[in-house]
Amino acid sequence: MTESDWLHRSLNAVWHPCTQMKFHDTGALPLIAVARGEGPWLYDFAGRRYLDAISSWWVNLFGHANPRINAAVKDQLERLEQVILAGFTHAPVVELSERLAALTGYTLGHCFYASDGSSAVEIALKMSFHYWRNHGQPEKNHFVCLSGGYHGETLGTLGVGDVALYKEVYAPLLRQALVAPSPDARQAEPGESAAEVARRAAVALEAILAEQSSTIAALIIEPLVQGAGGMIMHDPEYLRVARALCDRHGVHLIADEIMVGFGRTGTLFAHEQAGVRPDFLCLSKGLTGGYLPLSVVLTTEAVYAAFYDDAVMRGFLHSHSYTGNPLACRAALATLDLFAEDDVLNRNRRFAERFSALLEPLARHPQARCFRHTGMIWAVDIDTDDPDFRLRFYREALQREVLLRPLGTTVYFMPPYVLSDEEAVLLAERTVAALDAALA
């Protein structure tokens, strides 16, 4: 079977996500048929390679076909592939839940599993509302989100998001959250620090909570980096103030760490940099190292206790068929083993320092604006009026063996944690070359 055969069959049979399919047919958006992956590289059926600089939509942490994760999944496959988690349990889900709770210092636990990030956020939203209902406050059924925030594409998650590209068409179907200003560090006035921007944004949040907390169940935040909104970065001070405001006004804090968890911001969990804990912690993407679909919501003992009762309807009856899948849990356990055994966070800090230096030519590019960096995430805004810039840059990067998908005019990097120094040099140099070609 040739590459063209696979492409033709895919275009006839597969509806690809986040895509205007006509662009694939016209060639405006190249479709790549991937045959295999190895480390940070993807290989197509013609033998061409592509450096996966976005970790295959932010999920892959330790490279494709990682031998240690492979071995764990293969071992589990010989034991148990799937079992209903209602009324049953199994070793991988128990061990994973215990380890995740330990990583929060046992302030969070009672892990509730699903298969993707949107589902995890839906669970947190429902749990928060149901908690207040069980406490005799059913009127607390609204949510607060940040401008530019993104939490998924199911109807509930779109309602607490603020990226028009994804939600505008479906607005008539949504229950819109209250929107607080983002603490976007790019909004700094001359001489103003990122922490001061955060405190300024928190003033507006405080006004919303002070006026409407009697009807607000929770505030939902992407800690430190708002991803799909354009890699919007903010100071941890915002989380510290938000946590205090939520406590003061009796509102839950939901930390959506689907993208930023597992080392992406420099610490295992992004909220750790603020020295706080949320009431709900949503995790997915890197949870399994990018291997298998799995998501989880961790919450507090107080939230769990609100559902613990003789009455069935006071319980949390949400469910997914593949909840706590054993194969996915084993991949997650192997991923946590890599963090524990390989000093990953310190290695990432050393890599980030080197890679930031390599990206200086990009940061100084005459059309580059607001170069920014948090942990293992880098982003820069490109000053261009070209409506086709995103597609032009994507094509130029692919021609140079690099997979990058700009968010509008924002070019960003979120590579796997296994890049060598030579691969980092290649990525930095070819990005600038692709940018020049796209802007020509």
Protein backbone atom coordinates (compact mmCIF):
# COMPACT_ATOMS: atom_id res chain seq x y z
CA MET A 1 0.00 0.00 0.00
CA THR A 2 1.54 3.33 -1.08
CA GLU A 3 1.32 6.66 0.73
CA SER A 4 -1.07 8.03 -1.90
CA ASP A 5 -3.34 5.01 -1.40
CA TRP A 6 -3.59 5.70 2.34
CA LEU A 7 -4.23 9.39 1.73
CA HIS A 8 -6.98 8.66 -0.79
CA ARG A 9 -8.66 6.13 1.50
CA SER A 10 -8.45 8.50 4.46
CA LEU A 11 -10.03 11.39 2.58
CA ASN A 12 -12.90 9.14 1.54
CA ALA A 13 -13.49 7.51 4.93
CA VAL A 14 -12.20 9.74 7.75
CA TRP A 15 -13.58 13.10 8.92
CA HIS A 16 -10.48 14.69 10.43
CA PRO A 17 -10.77 16.90 13.55
CA CYS A 18 -10.32 20.64 13.73
CA THR A 19 -10.16 20.79 9.94
CA GLN A 20 -12.01 22.25 6.98
CA MET A 21 -11.88 19.04 4.93
CA LYS A 22 -11.92 20.89 1.61
CA PHE A 23 -8.44 22.23 2.45
CA HIS A 24 -7.14 18.65 2.36
CA ASP A 25 -8.70 18.01 -1.04
CA THR A 26 -7.30 21.23 -2.52
CA GLY A 27 -3.84 20.74 -1.03
CA ALA A 28 -3.99 23.92 1.04
CA LEU A 29 -3.56 21.73 4.14
CA PRO A 30 -1.31 18.73 3.45
CA LEU A 31 -2.49 15.42 4.85
CA ILE A 32 0.37 13.24 6.11
CA ALA A 33 0.01 9.47 6.35
CA VAL A 34 2.17 8.41 9.31
CA ALA A 35 3.66 4.92 9.19
CA ARG A 36 5.57 4.92 12.47
CA GLY A 37 7.09 7.05 15.21
CA GLU A 38 10.39 6.92 17.04
CA GLY A 39 11.43 9.35 19.76
CA PRO A 40 10.47 12.89 18.71
CA TRP A 41 10.15 11.89 15.05
CA LEU A 42 7.20 10.80 12.90
CA TYR A 43 7.82 8.95 9.61
CA ASP A 44 5.44 8.80 6.66
CA PHE A 45 5.00 5.92 4.23
CA ALA A 46 7.49 7.45 1.80
CA GLY A 47 10.19 7.53 4.50
CA ARG A 48 10.08 11.29 5.10
CA ARG A 49 10.42 12.38 8.71
CA TYR A 50 8.86 15.19 10.77
CA LEU A 51 10.05 16.49 14.14
CA ASP A 52 6.96 16.41 16.36
CA ALA A 53 7.44 19.85 17.93
CA ILE A 54 3.88 19.97 19.29
CA SER A 55 3.93 16.51 20.92
CA SER A 56 1.05 15.32 18.73
CA TRP A 57 -1.42 17.85 20.14
CA TRP A 58 0.40 18.27 23.45
CA VAL A 59 0.13 14.66 24.63
CA ASN A 60 3.46 12.96 23.96
CA LEU A 61 6.01 13.43 26.74
CA PHE A 62 8.72 10.82 26.26
CA GLY A 63 8.77 10.21 22.53
CA HIS A 64 6.93 7.85 20.24
CA ALA A 65 7.36 4.10 20.80
CA ASN A 66 9.02 4.67 24.16
CA PRO A 67 10.39 1.24 25.11
CA ARG A 68 9.53 1.49 28.81
CA ILE A 69 5.92 2.54 28.25
CA ASN A 70 5.66 -0.04 25.46
CA ALA A 71 6.76 -2.78 27.84
CA ALA A 72 4.26 -1.77 30.51
CA VAL A 73 1.33 -1.74 28.07
CA LYS A 74 2.37 -5.09 26.56
CA ASP A 75 2.59 -6.64 30.01
CA GLN A 76 -0.85 -5.36 30.96
CA LEU A 77 -2.30 -6.59 27.67
CA GLU A 78 -1.48 -10.14 28.73
CA ARG A 79 -3.34 -9.68 32.04
CA LEU A 80 -6.46 -7.55 31.63
CA GLU A 81 -7.49 -5.23 28.82
CA GLN A 82 -10.79 -3.82 30.15
CA VAL A 83 -13.33 -4.34 32.91
CA ILE A 84 -16.34 -2.35 34.08
CA LEU A 85 -15.31 -0.05 36.94
CA ALA A 86 -18.82 0.05 38.43
CA GLY A 87 -18.75 -2.61 41.11
CA PHE A 88 -15.26 -3.82 40.09
CA THR A 89 -11.71 -2.60 40.47
CA HIS A 90 -8.23 -3.63 39.35
CA ALA A 91 -4.61 -3.11 40.31
CA PRO A 92 -3.59 -0.43 37.76
CA VAL A 93 -6.45 1.95 38.62
CA VAL A 94 -5.87 1.54 42.36
CA GLU A 95 -2.11 2.08 42.08
CA LEU A 96 -2.52 5.08 39.76
CA SER A 97 -5.09 6.73 42.02
CA GLU A 98 -2.86 6.28 45.06
CA ARG A 99 0.16 7.71 43.26
CA LEU A 100 -1.72 10.72 41.90
CA ALA A 101 -3.07 11.50 45.37
CA ALA A 102 0.44 11.22 46.81
CA LEU A 103 1.71 13.70 44.21
CA THR A 104 -0.71 16.28 45.65
CA GLY A 105 0.43 15.57 49.21
CA TYR A 106 -2.90 13.75 49.71
CA THR A 107 -4.77 17.07 49.65
CA LEU A 108 -6.57 15.76 46.55
CA GLY A 109 -7.68 12.25 45.67
CA HIS A 110 -10.86 10.21 45.15
CA CYS A 111 -9.93 9.93 41.47
CA PHE A 112 -12.80 9.86 38.99
CA TYR A 113 -11.76 8.68 35.51
CA ALA A 114 -12.86 9.36 31.94
CA SER A 115 -11.15 9.16 28.55
CA ASP A 116 -10.41 12.75 27.45
CA GLY A 117 -9.92 16.28 28.67
CA SER A 118 -13.37 17.59 27.76
CA SER A 119 -14.95 14.74 29.71
CA ALA A 120 -12.80 15.51 32.74
CA VAL A 121 -13.88 19.15 32.72
CA GLU A 122 -17.53 18.13 32.33
CA ILE A 123 -17.10 15.90 35.40
CA ALA A 124 -15.62 18.73 37.45
CA LEU A 125 -18.42 21.10 36.44
CA LYS A 126 -21.10 18.57 37.31
CA MET A 127 -19.42 17.64 40.60
CA SER A 128 -19.20 21.27 41.65
CA PHE A 129 -22.86 21.96 40.88
CA HIS A 130 -23.97 18.70 42.50
CA TYR A 131 -21.90 19.48 45.62
CA TRP A 132 -23.78 22.73 46.13
CA ARG A 133 -27.09 21.03 45.40
CA ASN A 134 -26.36 18.39 48.03
CA HIS A 135 -25.58 21.25 50.42
CA GLY A 136 -28.98 22.79 49.82
CA GLN A 137 -27.74 25.54 47.47
CA PRO A 138 -28.98 24.52 44.00
CA GLU A 139 -28.97 28.17 42.92
CA LYS A 140 -25.15 27.96 42.76
CA ASN A 141 -25.21 26.68 39.19
CA HIS A 142 -23.18 29.21 37.22
CA PHE A 143 -19.48 29.28 36.42
CA VAL A 144 -16.76 31.87 35.86
CA CYS A 145 -14.07 31.45 33.21
CA LEU A 146 -11.29 33.65 31.82
CA SER A 147 -11.31 35.53 28.54
CA GLY A 148 -9.36 33.50 26.00
CA GLY A 149 -9.89 30.34 28.01
CA TYR A 150 -10.42 26.93 26.44
CA HIS A 151 -11.62 23.79 28.22
CA GLY A 152 -12.87 21.50 25.47
CA GLU A 153 -15.48 21.21 22.75
CA THR A 154 -18.42 19.40 24.30
CA LEU A 155 -21.37 21.68 25.00
CA GLY A 156 -20.64 22.06 28.71
CA THR A 157 -16.98 22.84 28.16
CA LEU A 158 -17.70 25.27 25.32
CA GLY A 159 -19.96 27.14 27.72
CA VAL A 160 -17.01 27.78 30.06
CA GLY A 161 -14.64 28.64 27.20
CA ASP A 162 -13.98 31.89 25.40
CA VAL A 163 -12.41 31.10 22.02
CA ALA A 164 -14.85 32.22 19.32
CA LEU A 165 -13.43 29.87 16.67
CA TYR A 166 -14.77 26.85 18.54
CA LYS A 167 -17.94 28.15 20.20
CA GLU A 168 -19.47 30.87 18.02
CA VAL A 169 -21.46 28.51 15.78
CA TYR A 170 -22.86 26.62 18.76
CA ALA A 171 -23.76 29.67 20.86
CA PRO A 172 -27.53 28.95 20.74
CA LEU A 173 -26.88 25.57 22.41
CA LEU A 174 -24.66 26.83 25.21
CA ARG A 175 -25.12 27.97 28.80
CA GLN A 176 -22.60 30.79 28.86
CA ALA A 177 -20.33 31.29 31.84
CA LEU A 178 -19.43 34.66 33.29
CA VAL A 179 -16.16 35.84 31.74
CA ALA A 180 -13.44 37.49 33.84
CA PRO A 181 -10.47 39.30 32.22
CA SER A 182 -7.42 37.18 31.51
CA PRO A 183 -4.27 38.02 33.50
CA ASP A 184 -2.40 37.90 30.15
CA ALA A 185 1.12 39.17 30.85
CA ARG A 186 1.22 40.77 27.38
CA GLN A 187 -1.20 43.40 28.70
CA ALA A 188 1.46 44.94 30.94
CA GLU A 189 1.63 48.71 30.90
CA PRO A 190 5.10 50.31 30.71
CA GLY A 191 6.96 49.40 33.88
CA GLU A 192 4.27 46.97 35.03
CA SER A 193 5.30 43.43 36.02
CA ALA A 194 3.44 40.23 35.13
CA ALA A 195 2.50 39.86 38.80
CA GLU A 196 1.00 43.36 38.79
CA VAL A 197 -1.01 42.50 35.66
CA ALA A 198 -2.28 39.43 37.50
CA ARG A 199 -3.36 41.45 40.52
CA ARG A 200 -5.06 43.99 38.27
CA ALA A 201 -7.02 41.24 36.52
CA ALA A 202 -7.94 39.75 39.90
CA VAL A 203 -9.69 42.99 40.87
CA ALA A 204 -12.25 42.36 38.14
CA LEU A 205 -12.63 38.75 39.27
CA GLU A 206 -13.23 39.92 42.83
CA ALA A 207 -16.00 42.23 41.65
CA ILE A 208 -17.77 39.35 39.87
CA LEU A 209 -17.52 37.06 42.87
CA ALA A 210 -18.54 39.74 45.36
CA GLU A 211 -21.68 40.52 43.38
CA GLN A 212 -22.76 37.06 42.22
CA SER A 213 -21.15 34.40 44.42
CA SER A 214 -24.56 33.28 45.67
CA THR A 215 -25.21 31.82 42.21
CA ILE A 216 -21.64 30.81 41.24
CA ALA A 217 -20.51 27.23 41.72
CA ALA A 218 -16.91 27.46 40.52
CA LEU A 219 -14.17 29.40 38.78
CA ILE A 220 -12.32 27.40 36.11
CA ILE A 221 -8.75 28.29 35.12
CA GLU A 222 -5.95 26.95 32.92
CA PRO A 223 -3.10 27.60 35.37
CA LEU A 224 -0.18 29.68 34.02
CA VAL A 225 -0.81 29.05 30.29
CA GLN A 226 -4.10 29.37 28.38
CA GLY A 227 -3.38 27.07 25.48
CA ALA A 228 -5.83 27.20 22.57
CA GLY A 229 -6.45 30.91 23.20
CA GLY A 230 -2.94 31.57 21.89
CA MET A 231 -0.53 30.33 24.57
CA ILE A 232 -1.54 33.19 26.87
CA MET A 233 0.81 33.20 29.85
CA HIS A 234 0.29 34.70 33.30
CA ASP A 235 2.04 35.00 36.64
CA PRO A 236 1.30 32.49 39.46
CA GLU A 237 0.15 35.47 41.53
CA TYR A 238 -3.21 35.24 39.81
CA LEU A 239 -3.75 31.72 41.11
CA ARG A 240 -2.81 32.78 44.64
CA VAL A 241 -5.30 35.63 44.61
CA ALA A 242 -7.98 33.56 42.88
CA ARG A 243 -7.67 30.82 45.49
CA ALA A 244 -8.11 33.36 48.29
CA LEU A 245 -11.10 34.97 46.55
CA CYS A 246 -12.79 31.62 45.98
CA ASP A 247 -12.35 30.76 49.66
CA ARG A 248 -13.69 34.14 50.74
CA HIS A 249 -16.80 33.95 48.57
CA GLY A 250 -17.58 30.23 48.84
CA VAL A 251 -16.75 29.26 45.26
CA HIS A 252 -14.88 26.19 44.04
CA LEU A 253 -11.61 26.50 42.09
CA ILE A 254 -11.25 24.13 39.13
CA ALA A 255 -7.71 23.79 37.76
CA ASP A 256 -7.84 22.56 34.18
CA GLU A 257 -4.34 21.11 33.84
CA ILE A 258 -5.20 18.99 30.81
CA MET A 259 -2.45 20.73 28.83
CA VAL A 260 -0.19 22.22 31.50
CA GLY A 261 0.11 19.21 33.82
CA PHE A 262 2.99 16.74 34.01
CA GLY A 263 5.89 19.12 33.72
CA ARG A 264 4.78 21.40 30.89
CA THR A 265 5.17 24.56 32.97
CA GLY A 266 8.33 23.48 34.80
CA THR A 267 6.71 21.82 37.83
CA LEU A 268 4.76 18.57 37.81
CA PHE A 269 1.50 20.48 38.23
CA ALA A 270 1.25 24.14 37.24
CA HIS A 271 -0.71 25.19 40.34
CA GLU A 272 2.23 24.17 42.53
CA GLN A 273 4.02 27.36 41.46
CA ALA A 274 1.38 29.39 43.28
CA GLY A 275 1.62 27.31 46.45
CA VAL A 276 -2.10 26.50 46.36
CA ARG A 277 -4.35 23.52 45.66
CA PRO A 278 -7.60 23.62 43.68
CA ASP A 279 -10.84 21.96 44.71
CA PHE A 280 -10.84 20.01 41.45
CA LEU A 281 -7.79 19.04 39.39
CA CYS A 282 -8.42 17.91 35.79
CA LEU A 283 -5.67 15.88 34.11
CA SER A 284 -5.31 14.15 30.74
CA LYS A 285 -3.00 14.43 27.67
CA GLY A 286 0.43 13.75 29.24
CA LEU A 287 -1.14 11.52 31.89
CA THR A 288 -0.40 8.42 29.78
CA GLY A 289 2.66 9.87 28.09
CA GLY A 290 0.51 10.35 24.99
CA TYR A 291 -0.20 6.65 24.57
CA LEU A 292 -3.85 5.98 25.36
CA PRO A 293 -6.96 8.06 26.06
CA LEU A 294 -7.35 8.68 29.79
CA SER A 295 -8.42 11.58 31.96
CA VAL A 296 -9.04 12.01 35.66
CA VAL A 297 -10.51 14.47 38.13
CA LEU A 298 -9.04 14.64 41.62
CA THR A 299 -10.97 16.39 44.35
CA THR A 300 -10.99 17.05 48.09
CA GLU A 301 -12.29 14.99 50.99
CA ALA A 302 -14.93 17.67 51.60
CA VAL A 303 -16.32 17.33 48.08
CA TYR A 304 -16.31 13.53 48.27
CA ALA A 305 -18.09 13.60 51.62
CA ALA A 306 -20.95 15.68 50.17
CA PHE A 307 -21.90 12.72 47.94
CA TYR A 308 -21.43 9.96 50.55
CA ASP A 309 -24.96 9.09 51.62
CA ASP A 310 -27.66 6.43 51.72
CA ALA A 311 -29.65 8.27 49.05
CA VAL A 312 -28.72 7.13 45.54
CA MET A 313 -29.51 10.50 43.96
CA ARG A 314 -26.99 12.22 46.22
CA GLY A 315 -24.28 10.06 44.66
CA PHE A 316 -22.31 11.02 41.55
CA LEU A 317 -23.85 8.76 38.88
CA HIS A 318 -21.77 9.99 35.94
CA SER A 319 -20.12 7.17 33.95
CA HIS A 320 -18.05 6.28 30.89
CA SER A 321 -17.74 2.80 29.37
CA TYR A 322 -13.94 2.82 29.44
CA THR A 323 -13.57 4.54 32.81
CA GLY A 324 -10.24 3.60 34.40
CA ASN A 325 -9.17 1.37 31.51
CA PRO A 326 -6.36 -0.96 32.74
CA LEU A 327 -4.15 -0.51 29.65
CA ALA A 328 -4.33 3.28 29.89
CA CYS A 329 -3.68 3.17 33.65
CA ARG A 330 -0.58 1.04 33.11
CA ALA A 331 0.70 3.54 30.53
CA ALA A 332 0.11 6.29 33.09
CA LEU A 333 1.97 4.36 35.79
CA ALA A 334 4.92 3.86 33.43
CA THR A 335 4.86 7.60 32.68
CA LEU A 336 5.01 8.41 36.40
CA ASP A 337 7.89 5.93 36.75
CA LEU A 338 9.83 7.88 34.14
CA PHE A 339 9.31 11.10 36.10
CA ALA A 340 10.39 9.43 39.33
CA GLU A 341 13.43 7.61 37.96
CA ASP A 342 14.88 9.97 35.33
CA ASP A 343 14.96 13.38 37.07
CA VAL A 344 12.78 14.66 34.24
CA LEU A 345 11.91 18.08 35.67
CA ASN A 346 15.55 19.06 36.23
CA ARG A 347 16.49 17.81 32.78
CA ASN A 348 13.68 19.89 31.31
CA ARG A 349 14.91 23.00 33.10
CA ARG A 350 18.38 22.55 31.62
CA PHE A 351 16.93 21.91 28.16
CA ALA A 352 14.63 24.94 28.42
CA GLU A 353 17.57 27.23 29.14
CA ARG A 354 19.46 25.96 26.09
CA PHE A 355 16.45 26.00 23.79
CA SER A 356 15.46 29.53 24.82
CA ALA A 357 18.93 30.68 23.80
CA LEU A 358 18.58 28.90 20.45
CA LEU A 359 15.28 30.71 19.86
CA GLU A 360 16.79 34.18 20.23
CA PRO A 361 16.93 34.68 16.43
CA LEU A 362 13.20 33.95 16.31
CA ALA A 363 12.51 36.30 19.21
CA ARG A 364 14.47 39.06 17.42
CA HIS A 365 12.79 38.47 14.06
CA PRO A 366 11.51 41.81 12.69
CA GLN A 367 7.94 40.51 12.59
CA ALA A 368 8.05 38.70 15.95
CA ARG A 369 6.12 40.14 18.88
CA CYS A 370 5.79 39.11 22.53
CA PHE A 371 8.15 36.14 22.62
CA ARG A 372 7.31 34.26 25.83
CA HIS A 373 8.25 31.10 27.64
CA THR A 374 6.97 29.01 30.56
CA GLY A 375 8.64 25.69 31.36
CA MET A 376 8.53 23.53 28.22
CA ILE A 377 6.23 25.88 26.30
CA TRP A 378 7.43 28.67 24.01
CA ALA A 379 5.34 31.06 21.92
CA VAL A 380 5.69 34.14 19.75
CA ASP A 381 3.13 36.29 17.92
CA ILE A 382 3.85 37.08 14.27
CA ASP A 383 2.93 40.52 13.00
CA THR A 384 1.20 39.76 9.70
CA ASP A 385 -2.11 40.56 8.02
CA ASP A 386 -1.93 37.47 5.81
CA PRO A 387 -5.13 35.46 6.49
CA ASP A 388 -3.38 32.36 5.13
CA PHE A 389 -0.29 32.71 7.33
CA ARG A 390 -1.17 29.71 9.50
CA LEU A 391 -1.45 27.34 6.54
CA ARG A 392 1.55 28.83 4.73
CA PHE A 393 3.78 28.45 7.78
CA TYR A 394 2.52 24.91 8.44
CA ARG A 395 3.40 23.85 4.88
CA GLU A 396 6.80 25.53 4.96
CA ALA A 397 7.66 23.87 8.27
CA LEU A 398 6.65 20.42 6.99
CA GLN A 399 8.91 20.90 3.98
CA ARG A 400 11.75 21.42 6.48
CA GLU A 401 10.95 18.25 8.49
CA VAL A 402 9.20 20.11 11.31
CA LEU A 403 5.63 19.67 12.56
CA LEU A 404 4.30 22.99 13.93
CA ARG A 405 0.64 24.11 13.89
CA PRO A 406 0.30 27.85 14.63
CA LEU A 407 -2.68 29.11 16.61
CA GLY A 408 -3.70 31.85 14.21
CA THR A 409 -0.59 34.02 14.01
CA THR A 410 0.96 32.56 17.17
CA VAL A 411 3.80 30.14 16.55
CA TYR A 412 4.44 27.89 19.53
CA PHE A 413 6.59 24.96 20.59
CA MET A 414 5.60 22.18 22.95
CA PRO A 415 8.10 19.42 22.15
CA PRO A 416 8.48 16.01 23.78
CA TYR A 417 10.93 15.89 26.67
CA VAL A 418 13.43 13.76 24.73
CA LEU A 419 14.90 16.21 22.19
CA SER A 420 18.66 16.04 21.82
CA ASP A 421 20.77 19.18 21.53
CA GLU A 422 21.17 18.51 17.80
CA GLU A 423 17.40 18.20 17.33
CA ALA A 424 16.86 21.40 19.29
CA VAL A 425 19.25 23.25 16.96
CA LEU A 426 17.48 21.82 13.92
CA LEU A 427 14.08 22.87 15.27
CA ALA A 428 15.16 26.43 16.07
CA GLU A 429 16.95 27.04 12.78
CA ARG A 430 14.32 25.52 10.53
CA THR A 431 11.52 27.38 12.28
CA VAL A 432 13.09 30.71 11.34
CA ALA A 433 13.63 29.49 7.79
CA ALA A 434 9.99 28.38 7.56
CA LEU A 435 8.83 31.72 8.95
CA ASP A 436 10.84 33.69 6.42
CA ALA A 437 9.45 31.56 3.60
CA ALA A 438 5.87 31.91 4.86
CA LEU A 439 6.18 35.67 5.08
CA ALA A 440 7.90 36.07 1.70
